[in-house]
Protein backbone atom coordinates (compact mmCIF):
# COMPACT_ATOMS: atom_id res chain seq x y z
CA UNK A 1 0.00 0.00 0.00
CA UNK A 2 2.84 2.39 -0.84
CA UNK A 3 2.19 6.02 -1.77
CA UNK A 4 4.63 8.50 -3.35
CA UNK A 5 3.52 12.01 -4.36
CA UNK A 6 5.24 14.90 -6.12
CA UNK A 7 4.36 18.50 -6.96
CA UNK A 8 6.29 21.30 -8.71
CA UNK A 9 5.67 24.84 -7.49
CA UNK A 10 6.89 28.29 -8.46
CA UNK A 11 10.59 27.65 -7.77
CA UNK A 12 10.64 24.38 -5.83
CA UNK A 13 9.44 20.78 -5.87
CA UNK A 14 7.86 18.76 -3.07
CA UNK A 15 8.08 14.98 -2.76
CA UNK A 16 6.14 13.03 -0.12
CA UNK A 17 6.09 9.30 0.61
CA UNK A 18 4.70 6.95 3.21
CA UNK A 19 7.21 5.55 5.71
CA UNK A 20 5.82 2.03 6.10
CA UNK A 21 7.87 -1.11 5.46
CA UNK A 22 5.30 -3.80 4.70
CA UNK A 23 5.57 -7.50 3.86
CA UNK A 24 2.37 -9.37 3.08
CA UNK A 25 0.00 -8.60 5.98
CA UNK A 26 2.77 -7.40 8.33
CA UNK A 27 3.99 -3.87 8.99
CA UNK A 28 7.66 -4.20 9.97
CA UNK A 29 8.39 -0.52 10.63
CA UNK A 30 6.81 2.89 10.21
CA UNK A 31 9.91 5.08 9.82
CA UNK A 32 11.32 3.86 6.49
CA UNK A 33 12.69 6.77 4.42
CA UNK A 34 11.65 6.25 0.79
CA UNK A 35 12.88 9.63 -0.45
CA UNK A 36 16.59 9.48 -1.28
CA UNK A 37 18.63 12.71 -1.29
CA UNK A 38 20.73 12.06 -4.41
CA UNK A 39 22.85 15.17 -4.11
CA UNK A 40 22.55 18.74 -2.88
CA UNK A 41 19.68 19.59 -5.27
CA UNK A 42 17.95 16.32 -6.16
CA UNK A 43 15.39 14.04 -4.50
CA UNK A 44 14.28 10.57 -5.57
CA UNK A 45 11.01 9.25 -4.18
CA UNK A 46 10.65 5.53 -4.88
CA UNK A 47 8.12 2.76 -4.38
CA UNK A 48 8.31 -0.93 -5.15
CA UNK A 49 9.92 -4.09 -3.80
CA UNK A 50 12.01 -3.04 -0.77
CA UNK A 51 15.22 -4.69 -1.95
CA UNK A 52 14.97 -3.27 -5.47
CA UNK A 53 14.03 0.16 -4.14
CA UNK A 54 16.98 0.43 -1.76
CA UNK A 55 19.53 -1.12 -4.13
CA UNK A 56 18.51 0.91 -7.18
CA UNK A 57 18.23 4.30 -5.47
CA UNK A 58 21.62 3.81 -3.82
CA UNK A 59 23.07 2.73 -7.19
CA UNK A 60 21.84 5.94 -8.83
CA UNK A 61 23.06 8.09 -5.93
CA UNK A 62 26.59 6.62 -6.00
CA UNK A 63 26.83 6.98 -9.78
CA UNK A 64 25.87 10.66 -9.52
CA UNK A 65 28.59 11.15 -6.92
CA UNK A 66 31.10 9.35 -9.15
CA UNK A 67 30.21 11.54 -12.13
CA UNK A 68 30.63 14.68 -10.05
CA UNK A 69 34.02 13.53 -8.70
CA UNK A 70 35.27 12.68 -12.18
CA UNK A 71 33.99 15.80 -13.96
CA UNK A 72 33.93 18.35 -11.16
CA UNK A 73 30.30 19.19 -11.95
CA UNK A 74 26.96 17.57 -11.11
CA UNK A 75 24.52 16.06 -13.58
CA UNK A 76 21.44 18.16 -14.30
CA UNK A 77 18.05 16.87 -13.21
CA UNK A 78 17.12 16.07 -16.83
CA UNK A 79 20.37 14.16 -17.36
CA UNK A 80 19.83 12.28 -14.10
CA UNK A 81 16.32 11.32 -15.22
CA UNK A 82 17.61 10.03 -18.56
CA UNK A 83 20.46 8.13 -16.88
CA UNK A 84 17.96 6.54 -14.46
CA UNK A 85 15.63 5.64 -17.30
CA UNK A 86 18.53 4.10 -19.24
CA UNK A 87 19.57 1.91 -16.31
CA UNK A 88 15.99 0.69 -15.84
CA UNK A 89 15.67 -0.03 -19.57
CA UNK A 90 18.94 -2.00 -19.56
CA UNK A 91 17.88 -3.99 -16.49
CA UNK A 92 14.45 -4.64 -18.02
CA UNK A 93 16.03 -7.06 -20.53
CA UNK A 94 18.13 -8.83 -17.88
CA UNK A 95 17.06 -8.66 -14.25
CA UNK A 96 14.37 -5.96 -13.97
CA UNK A 97 13.97 -3.70 -10.97
CA UNK A 98 10.46 -3.50 -9.54
CA UNK A 99 10.70 0.18 -8.67
CA UNK A 100 8.74 3.32 -9.60
CA UNK A 101 10.34 6.74 -9.21
CA UNK A 102 9.47 10.42 -8.88
CA UNK A 103 12.67 12.41 -9.42
CA UNK A 104 12.66 16.06 -8.31
CA UNK A 105 15.48 18.55 -8.69
CA UNK A 106 16.46 22.19 -9.02
CA UNK A 107 18.84 23.60 -11.64
CA UNK A 108 19.96 27.22 -11.80
CA UNK A 109 19.15 27.58 -15.51
CA UNK A 110 15.90 25.59 -15.53
CA UNK A 111 14.43 25.89 -12.05
CA UNK A 112 12.51 23.09 -10.35
CA UNK A 113 11.43 20.01 -12.28
CA UNK A 114 9.79 16.65 -11.64
CA UNK A 115 10.14 13.41 -13.62
CA UNK A 116 7.98 10.29 -13.63
CA UNK A 117 9.91 7.04 -14.23
CA UNK A 118 8.17 3.68 -13.85
CA UNK A 119 9.47 0.12 -13.62
CA UNK A 120 9.31 -0.44 -17.40
CA UNK A 121 11.47 2.64 -18.02
CA UNK A 122 8.76 5.09 -19.06
CA UNK A 123 10.00 8.67 -18.62
CA UNK A 124 7.89 11.82 -18.55
CA UNK A 125 8.46 15.33 -17.26
CA UNK A 126 5.43 16.27 -15.17
CA UNK A 127 4.13 19.02 -12.89
CA UNK A 128 2.37 16.68 -10.47
CA UNK A 129 2.20 12.95 -10.01
CA UNK A 130 1.78 9.97 -7.72
CA UNK A 131 2.57 6.27 -7.52
CA UNK A 132 0.94 3.48 -5.57
CA UNK A 133 -2.62 2.85 -4.44
CA UNK A 134 -2.76 6.39 -3.08
CA UNK A 135 -2.56 7.73 -6.63
CA UNK A 136 -6.18 6.65 -7.21
CA UNK A 137 -7.25 9.37 -4.77
CA UNK A 138 -4.45 11.92 -5.17
CA UNK A 139 -4.42 12.49 -8.92
CA UNK A 140 -8.00 13.79 -9.03
CA UNK A 141 -7.27 16.14 -6.10
CA UNK A 142 -4.15 17.39 -7.87
CA UNK A 143 -6.08 17.96 -11.11
CA UNK A 144 -8.58 20.09 -9.22
CA UNK A 145 -6.32 22.06 -6.87
CA UNK A 146 -2.92 22.30 -8.57
CA UNK A 147 -1.67 25.42 -10.34
CA UNK A 148 1.89 26.13 -11.57
CA UNK A 149 2.57 29.15 -9.35
CA UNK A 150 1.94 27.40 -6.01
CA UNK A 151 3.81 28.61 -2.97
CA UNK A 152 5.48 26.17 -0.58
CA UNK A 153 2.57 26.49 1.86
CA UNK A 154 0.03 25.83 -0.90
CA UNK A 155 1.95 22.80 -2.18
CA UNK A 156 2.34 21.31 1.30
CA UNK A 157 -1.37 21.96 1.92
CA UNK A 158 -2.18 20.05 -1.28
CA UNK A 159 0.03 17.16 -0.12
CA UNK A 160 -1.74 17.22 3.26
CA UNK A 161 -5.11 17.00 1.50
CA UNK A 162 -3.85 13.99 -0.46
CA UNK A 163 -2.59 12.32 2.72
CA UNK A 164 -5.93 12.96 4.43
CA UNK A 165 -7.79 11.41 1.50
CA UNK A 166 -5.52 8.35 1.50
CA UNK A 167 -6.09 7.83 5.22
CA UNK A 168 -9.83 8.24 4.77
CA UNK A 169 -10.42 6.06 1.71
CA UNK A 170 -7.62 3.50 1.37
CA UNK A 171 -8.64 0.27 3.09
CA UNK A 172 -5.16 -0.33 4.57
CA UNK A 173 -3.71 3.17 4.68
CA UNK A 174 -0.12 4.00 5.67
CA UNK A 175 0.11 5.68 9.06
CA UNK A 176 3.01 8.09 8.58
CA UNK A 177 4.39 10.20 5.75
CA UNK A 178 7.59 12.18 5.16
CA UNK A 179 7.73 15.38 3.10
CA UNK A 180 10.91 16.73 1.50
CA UNK A 181 11.52 19.87 -0.56
CA UNK A 182 14.14 20.89 -3.12
CA UNK A 183 14.71 24.48 -4.23
CA UNK A 184 17.61 26.88 -4.83
CA UNK A 185 18.70 26.36 -1.21
CA UNK A 186 19.04 22.60 -1.68
CA UNK A 187 17.22 19.36 -0.94
CA UNK A 188 16.01 18.97 2.64
CA UNK A 189 13.54 17.33 4.98
CA UNK A 190 10.46 19.46 5.56
CA UNK A 191 7.97 17.61 7.77
CA UNK A 192 6.50 14.35 8.97
CA UNK A 193 2.82 13.57 9.09
CA UNK A 194 2.14 11.00 11.79
CA UNK A 195 -0.80 9.32 13.46
CA UNK A 196 -0.38 9.17 17.23
CA UNK A 197 -3.11 7.03 18.75
CA UNK A 198 -6.21 7.89 16.73
CA UNK A 199 -5.23 11.49 16.00
CA UNK A 200 -3.07 12.72 13.10
CA UNK A 201 -0.16 15.00 13.98
CA UNK A 202 0.06 17.55 11.19
CA UNK A 203 2.66 20.07 12.36
CA UNK A 204 5.81 18.04 12.88
CA UNK A 205 8.37 20.13 11.02
CA UNK A 206 12.10 19.77 11.53
CA UNK A 207 14.97 21.69 9.89
CA UNK A 208 17.16 18.65 9.18
CA UNK A 209 18.90 18.11 5.84
CA UNK A 210 18.56 14.35 5.28
C-alpha cells in the first residue's frame, strides 16, 4: 500500500512518501525513508519491492557522486532522469527492478522540475504525479487544486489533503508520511505527518537536511 507524491511549485518541488515497510499482511516498521537525497539539489522518491528500491536508489546516488568527482560538476536533473531511465531499460532485458520513481530537482538555468519514471522505463516530465494505491485518490485532487505558481505552503497543503484522502479512503492506509523539498537552497527534509493514537499529527516540522 505504498504512496509516493510529487508537486512542482513556483521555484521548488515537493516529494512526499509513506514511511511504512510492509511485507504481506505485516507492517515491519513505520519510519522507512523512501525519499533518497541524491545530491545537494535532487530528491528521488521511490516505491516498489524493498530490496529493489533500496539497491537501485543507492546505485543511482553513487553513480551521480562518481560523475561529479570525475567531472567536477553535477549532472542536471534532466540528465539524471535520462540516466535513471537508461539503467531501468537495460535492467528490463536482464534482471528488472520492480521500482517506480518520482525524481525532483532544481537547476539554476531551468528551475525546479519533476520526472515520472516507472518500472518499465517510461519517462515523462510532469508538474504533479503519484505512484501506488494512493494515486487513485491523489491524482483527481491534484487535477482540481494544482496550479503552476503554487507557494510552498500551498503545495504542502495540497500534499496534506492527499494524505488525508488516503487515510480516509484507502482500506489499509499507511500511518506516517515524510515530506521533503528541493529548491535553490538545496534538498532537505520538511515535515513528517504521523498518526499518534487515533489522531493525526500535522505540524511536525524539523529543519534537518537528510
